[in-house]
């Protein structure tokens, strides 16, 4: 699930860059019976970090299976996904 939007605020850019780094290192585990599945939360993420002036394009590409597992688990990290989707909708960009 790809979420993409433009950011014009320097503070928001820094906050979202930190969030991207954190989410990229996170895994989602789903256990059912004797089976356990694990997915990286983000397949990829990016922003034009070398661009010195706004706006910056942020792209968060969530693993679809990880998002489904977050939903099944009622994991609070799902709120972060929802926040980013909402942020993209505010910008009328892709999600």
N, C-alpha and C. Protein backbone atom coordinates (compact mmCIF):
# COMPACT_ATOMS: atom_id res chain seq x y z
N UNK A 1 0.85 -1.16 0.00
CA UNK A 1 0.00 0.00 0.00
C UNK A 1 0.90 1.24 0.00
N UNK A 2 0.87 1.97 -1.10
CA UNK A 2 1.72 3.15 -1.22
C UNK A 2 0.97 4.40 -0.78
N UNK A 3 1.62 5.19 0.05
CA UNK A 3 1.10 6.47 0.51
C UNK A 3 2.12 7.53 0.11
N UNK A 4 1.65 8.56 -0.60
CA UNK A 4 2.58 9.56 -1.13
C UNK A 4 1.97 10.94 -0.99
N UNK A 5 2.78 11.90 -0.53
CA UNK A 5 2.29 13.27 -0.39
C UNK A 5 3.45 14.25 -0.31
N UNK A 6 3.12 15.52 -0.54
CA UNK A 6 4.10 16.60 -0.49
C UNK A 6 4.11 17.24 0.89
N UNK A 7 5.28 17.66 1.33
CA UNK A 7 5.46 18.33 2.62
C UNK A 7 6.21 19.63 2.37
N UNK A 8 5.69 20.72 2.93
CA UNK A 8 6.32 22.02 2.74
C UNK A 8 6.94 22.57 4.02
N UNK A 9 6.65 21.95 5.14
CA UNK A 9 7.12 22.44 6.43
C UNK A 9 8.38 21.69 6.86
N UNK A 10 9.41 22.43 7.21
CA UNK A 10 10.70 21.85 7.61
C UNK A 10 10.58 20.92 8.83
N UNK A 11 9.82 21.36 9.85
CA UNK A 11 9.65 20.53 11.04
C UNK A 11 8.91 19.23 10.72
N UNK A 12 7.87 19.33 9.90
CA UNK A 12 7.13 18.13 9.51
C UNK A 12 8.03 17.20 8.70
N UNK A 13 8.87 17.77 7.84
CA UNK A 13 9.80 16.97 7.06
C UNK A 13 10.71 16.16 7.98
N UNK A 14 11.26 16.79 9.00
CA UNK A 14 12.15 16.10 9.95
C UNK A 14 11.41 15.02 10.72
N UNK A 15 10.20 15.33 11.17
CA UNK A 15 9.39 14.37 11.92
C UNK A 15 9.07 13.16 11.06
N UNK A 16 8.67 13.38 9.80
CA UNK A 16 8.33 12.28 8.92
C UNK A 16 9.56 11.46 8.52
N UNK A 17 10.70 12.12 8.39
CA UNK A 17 11.94 11.38 8.10
C UNK A 17 12.29 10.45 9.26
N UNK A 18 12.16 10.94 10.48
CA UNK A 18 12.40 10.09 11.66
C UNK A 18 11.41 8.93 11.70
N UNK A 19 10.15 9.22 11.40
CA UNK A 19 9.12 8.18 11.39
C UNK A 19 9.44 7.12 10.33
N UNK A 20 9.85 7.55 9.15
CA UNK A 20 10.21 6.61 8.09
C UNK A 20 11.33 5.68 8.50
N UNK A 21 12.37 6.25 9.11
CA UNK A 21 13.49 5.42 9.58
C UNK A 21 13.02 4.40 10.61
N UNK A 22 12.18 4.84 11.53
CA UNK A 22 11.70 3.95 12.59
C UNK A 22 10.82 2.84 12.02
N UNK A 23 9.85 3.22 11.17
CA UNK A 23 8.94 2.22 10.61
C UNK A 23 9.66 1.21 9.73
N UNK A 24 10.68 1.65 9.02
CA UNK A 24 11.41 0.75 8.13
C UNK A 24 12.10 -0.36 8.90
N UNK A 25 12.46 -0.10 10.13
CA UNK A 25 13.15 -1.11 10.93
C UNK A 25 12.18 -2.00 11.72
N UNK A 26 10.89 -1.68 11.69
CA UNK A 26 9.92 -2.45 12.47
C UNK A 26 9.38 -3.64 11.69
N UNK A 27 9.10 -4.70 12.44
CA UNK A 27 8.50 -5.91 11.89
C UNK A 27 7.14 -6.13 12.53
N UNK A 28 6.26 -6.81 11.78
CA UNK A 28 4.95 -7.19 12.29
C UNK A 28 4.91 -8.71 12.31
N UNK A 29 4.59 -9.27 13.47
CA UNK A 29 4.49 -10.72 13.60
C UNK A 29 3.05 -11.11 13.86
N UNK A 30 2.63 -12.16 13.18
CA UNK A 30 1.29 -12.69 13.36
C UNK A 30 1.42 -14.18 13.67
N UNK A 31 0.84 -14.59 14.79
CA UNK A 31 0.90 -15.99 15.21
C UNK A 31 -0.50 -16.57 15.19
N UNK A 32 -0.57 -17.79 14.66
CA UNK A 32 -1.84 -18.52 14.69
C UNK A 32 -1.50 -19.99 14.85
N UNK A 33 -1.89 -20.52 15.98
CA UNK A 33 -1.55 -21.91 16.28
C UNK A 33 -0.05 -22.07 16.37
N UNK A 34 0.49 -23.03 15.63
CA UNK A 34 1.93 -23.28 15.63
C UNK A 34 2.67 -22.46 14.58
N UNK A 35 1.94 -21.68 13.80
CA UNK A 35 2.55 -20.92 12.71
C UNK A 35 2.77 -19.46 13.09
N UNK A 36 3.89 -18.93 12.63
CA UNK A 36 4.21 -17.53 12.85
C UNK A 36 4.65 -16.92 11.53
N UNK A 37 4.08 -15.78 11.20
CA UNK A 37 4.46 -15.04 10.00
C UNK A 37 5.05 -13.70 10.44
N UNK A 38 5.98 -13.21 9.66
CA UNK A 38 6.63 -11.95 9.99
C UNK A 38 6.86 -11.14 8.71
N UNK A 39 6.56 -9.86 8.80
CA UNK A 39 6.75 -8.97 7.66
C UNK A 39 7.42 -7.69 8.13
N UNK A 40 8.21 -7.12 7.28
CA UNK A 40 8.74 -5.78 7.52
C UNK A 40 7.57 -4.82 7.30
N UNK A 41 7.44 -3.82 8.16
CA UNK A 41 6.30 -2.92 8.07
C UNK A 41 6.31 -2.13 6.75
N UNK A 42 7.46 -1.60 6.38
CA UNK A 42 7.57 -0.85 5.13
C UNK A 42 8.42 -1.63 4.14
N UNK A 43 7.92 -1.76 2.92
CA UNK A 43 8.73 -2.34 1.85
C UNK A 43 9.80 -1.33 1.46
N UNK A 44 9.42 -0.07 1.45
CA UNK A 44 10.37 1.01 1.15
C UNK A 44 9.75 2.34 1.58
N UNK A 45 10.59 3.33 1.67
CA UNK A 45 10.11 4.68 1.92
C UNK A 45 11.17 5.63 1.40
N UNK A 46 10.76 6.84 1.07
CA UNK A 46 11.73 7.80 0.55
C UNK A 46 11.19 9.22 0.64
N UNK A 47 12.12 10.15 0.54
CA UNK A 47 11.80 11.55 0.32
C UNK A 47 13.03 12.19 -0.29
N UNK A 48 12.84 13.31 -0.94
CA UNK A 48 13.95 13.95 -1.63
C UNK A 48 14.80 14.73 -0.62
N UNK A 49 15.59 13.99 0.15
CA UNK A 49 16.37 14.53 1.26
C UNK A 49 17.42 15.54 0.81
N UNK A 50 17.91 15.42 -0.39
CA UNK A 50 18.96 16.33 -0.85
C UNK A 50 18.40 17.64 -1.40
N UNK A 51 17.08 17.70 -1.57
CA UNK A 51 16.46 18.92 -2.06
C UNK A 51 16.46 19.95 -0.92
N UNK A 52 17.11 21.10 -1.11
CA UNK A 52 17.26 22.05 0.00
C UNK A 52 16.00 22.85 0.32
N UNK A 53 15.07 22.95 -0.61
CA UNK A 53 13.89 23.78 -0.37
C UNK A 53 12.60 22.97 -0.57
N UNK A 54 11.53 23.40 0.09
CA UNK A 54 10.26 22.70 -0.05
C UNK A 54 9.65 22.93 -1.44
N UNK A 55 8.71 22.09 -1.82
CA UNK A 55 8.16 20.95 -1.07
C UNK A 55 8.98 19.69 -1.31
N UNK A 56 8.83 18.75 -0.37
CA UNK A 56 9.50 17.46 -0.44
C UNK A 56 8.44 16.38 -0.64
N UNK A 57 8.69 15.46 -1.53
CA UNK A 57 7.76 14.37 -1.77
C UNK A 57 8.14 13.18 -0.89
N UNK A 58 7.19 12.78 -0.05
CA UNK A 58 7.37 11.60 0.82
C UNK A 58 6.58 10.44 0.25
N UNK A 59 7.20 9.26 0.27
CA UNK A 59 6.55 8.04 -0.18
C UNK A 59 6.79 6.96 0.87
N UNK A 60 5.69 6.39 1.35
CA UNK A 60 5.74 5.28 2.30
C UNK A 60 5.05 4.11 1.62
N UNK A 61 5.78 3.02 1.40
CA UNK A 61 5.22 1.84 0.74
C UNK A 61 5.11 0.73 1.78
N UNK A 62 3.91 0.58 2.33
CA UNK A 62 3.66 -0.40 3.38
C UNK A 62 3.46 -1.79 2.77
N UNK A 63 3.99 -2.81 3.44
CA UNK A 63 3.73 -4.19 3.05
C UNK A 63 2.25 -4.47 3.32
N UNK A 64 1.51 -4.88 2.30
CA UNK A 64 0.07 -5.12 2.45
C UNK A 64 -0.22 -6.17 3.51
N UNK A 65 0.57 -7.25 3.55
CA UNK A 65 0.35 -8.29 4.55
C UNK A 65 0.60 -7.78 5.96
N UNK A 66 1.56 -6.90 6.12
CA UNK A 66 1.84 -6.32 7.43
C UNK A 66 0.67 -5.47 7.90
N UNK A 67 0.10 -4.69 6.99
CA UNK A 67 -1.05 -3.84 7.35
C UNK A 67 -2.24 -4.72 7.74
N UNK A 68 -2.47 -5.79 6.97
CA UNK A 68 -3.57 -6.70 7.31
C UNK A 68 -3.34 -7.33 8.68
N UNK A 69 -2.11 -7.71 8.97
CA UNK A 69 -1.80 -8.29 10.28
C UNK A 69 -2.03 -7.27 11.39
N UNK A 70 -1.66 -6.01 11.15
CA UNK A 70 -1.91 -4.97 12.16
C UNK A 70 -3.40 -4.86 12.45
N UNK A 71 -4.21 -4.95 11.39
CA UNK A 71 -5.66 -4.88 11.56
C UNK A 71 -6.17 -6.07 12.37
N UNK A 72 -5.72 -7.27 12.03
CA UNK A 72 -6.16 -8.49 12.74
C UNK A 72 -5.75 -8.47 14.20
N UNK A 73 -4.57 -7.92 14.45
CA UNK A 73 -4.05 -7.88 15.81
C UNK A 73 -4.54 -6.68 16.61
N UNK A 74 -5.25 -5.76 15.96
CA UNK A 74 -5.64 -4.49 16.59
C UNK A 74 -4.41 -3.81 17.18
N UNK A 75 -3.32 -3.86 16.42
CA UNK A 75 -2.04 -3.29 16.84
C UNK A 75 -2.11 -1.76 16.78
N UNK A 76 -1.66 -1.08 17.83
CA UNK A 76 -1.73 0.38 17.84
C UNK A 76 -0.91 1.05 16.73
N UNK A 77 0.04 0.33 16.13
CA UNK A 77 0.81 0.91 15.03
C UNK A 77 -0.05 1.17 13.79
N UNK A 78 -1.22 0.53 13.75
CA UNK A 78 -2.15 0.79 12.65
C UNK A 78 -2.55 2.25 12.61
N UNK A 79 -2.57 2.91 13.76
CA UNK A 79 -2.91 4.34 13.80
C UNK A 79 -1.90 5.18 13.02
N UNK A 80 -0.65 4.77 13.02
CA UNK A 80 0.37 5.48 12.24
C UNK A 80 0.08 5.35 10.75
N UNK A 81 -0.31 4.16 10.32
CA UNK A 81 -0.68 3.96 8.92
C UNK A 81 -1.87 4.84 8.58
N UNK A 82 -2.87 4.83 9.42
CA UNK A 82 -4.06 5.65 9.18
C UNK A 82 -3.72 7.14 9.15
N UNK A 83 -2.84 7.57 10.04
CA UNK A 83 -2.42 8.97 10.06
C UNK A 83 -1.78 9.35 8.72
N UNK A 84 -0.89 8.51 8.21
CA UNK A 84 -0.21 8.82 6.94
C UNK A 84 -1.18 8.82 5.77
N UNK A 85 -2.15 7.91 5.77
CA UNK A 85 -3.17 7.91 4.73
C UNK A 85 -4.00 9.19 4.81
N UNK A 86 -4.36 9.58 6.02
CA UNK A 86 -5.12 10.82 6.22
C UNK A 86 -4.32 12.03 5.76
N UNK A 87 -3.04 12.03 6.06
CA UNK A 87 -2.16 13.13 5.65
C UNK A 87 -2.11 13.23 4.13
N UNK A 88 -2.05 12.09 3.46
CA UNK A 88 -2.04 12.07 2.00
C UNK A 88 -3.37 12.59 1.45
N UNK A 89 -4.47 12.23 2.08
CA UNK A 89 -5.78 12.70 1.63
C UNK A 89 -5.90 14.21 1.79
N UNK A 90 -5.31 14.76 2.84
CA UNK A 90 -5.35 16.22 3.04
C UNK A 90 -4.62 16.93 1.92
N UNK A 91 -3.61 16.29 1.38
CA UNK A 91 -2.82 16.89 0.32
C UNK A 91 -3.37 16.57 -1.06
N UNK A 92 -4.44 15.77 -1.09
CA UNK A 92 -5.03 15.32 -2.36
C UNK A 92 -4.01 14.63 -3.24
N UNK A 93 -3.15 13.82 -2.63
CA UNK A 93 -2.16 13.08 -3.39
C UNK A 93 -2.46 11.59 -3.28
N UNK A 94 -1.54 10.77 -3.67
CA UNK A 94 -1.80 9.33 -3.80
C UNK A 94 -1.81 8.63 -2.45
N UNK A 95 -2.68 7.61 -2.38
CA UNK A 95 -2.71 6.71 -1.21
C UNK A 95 -3.36 5.43 -1.61
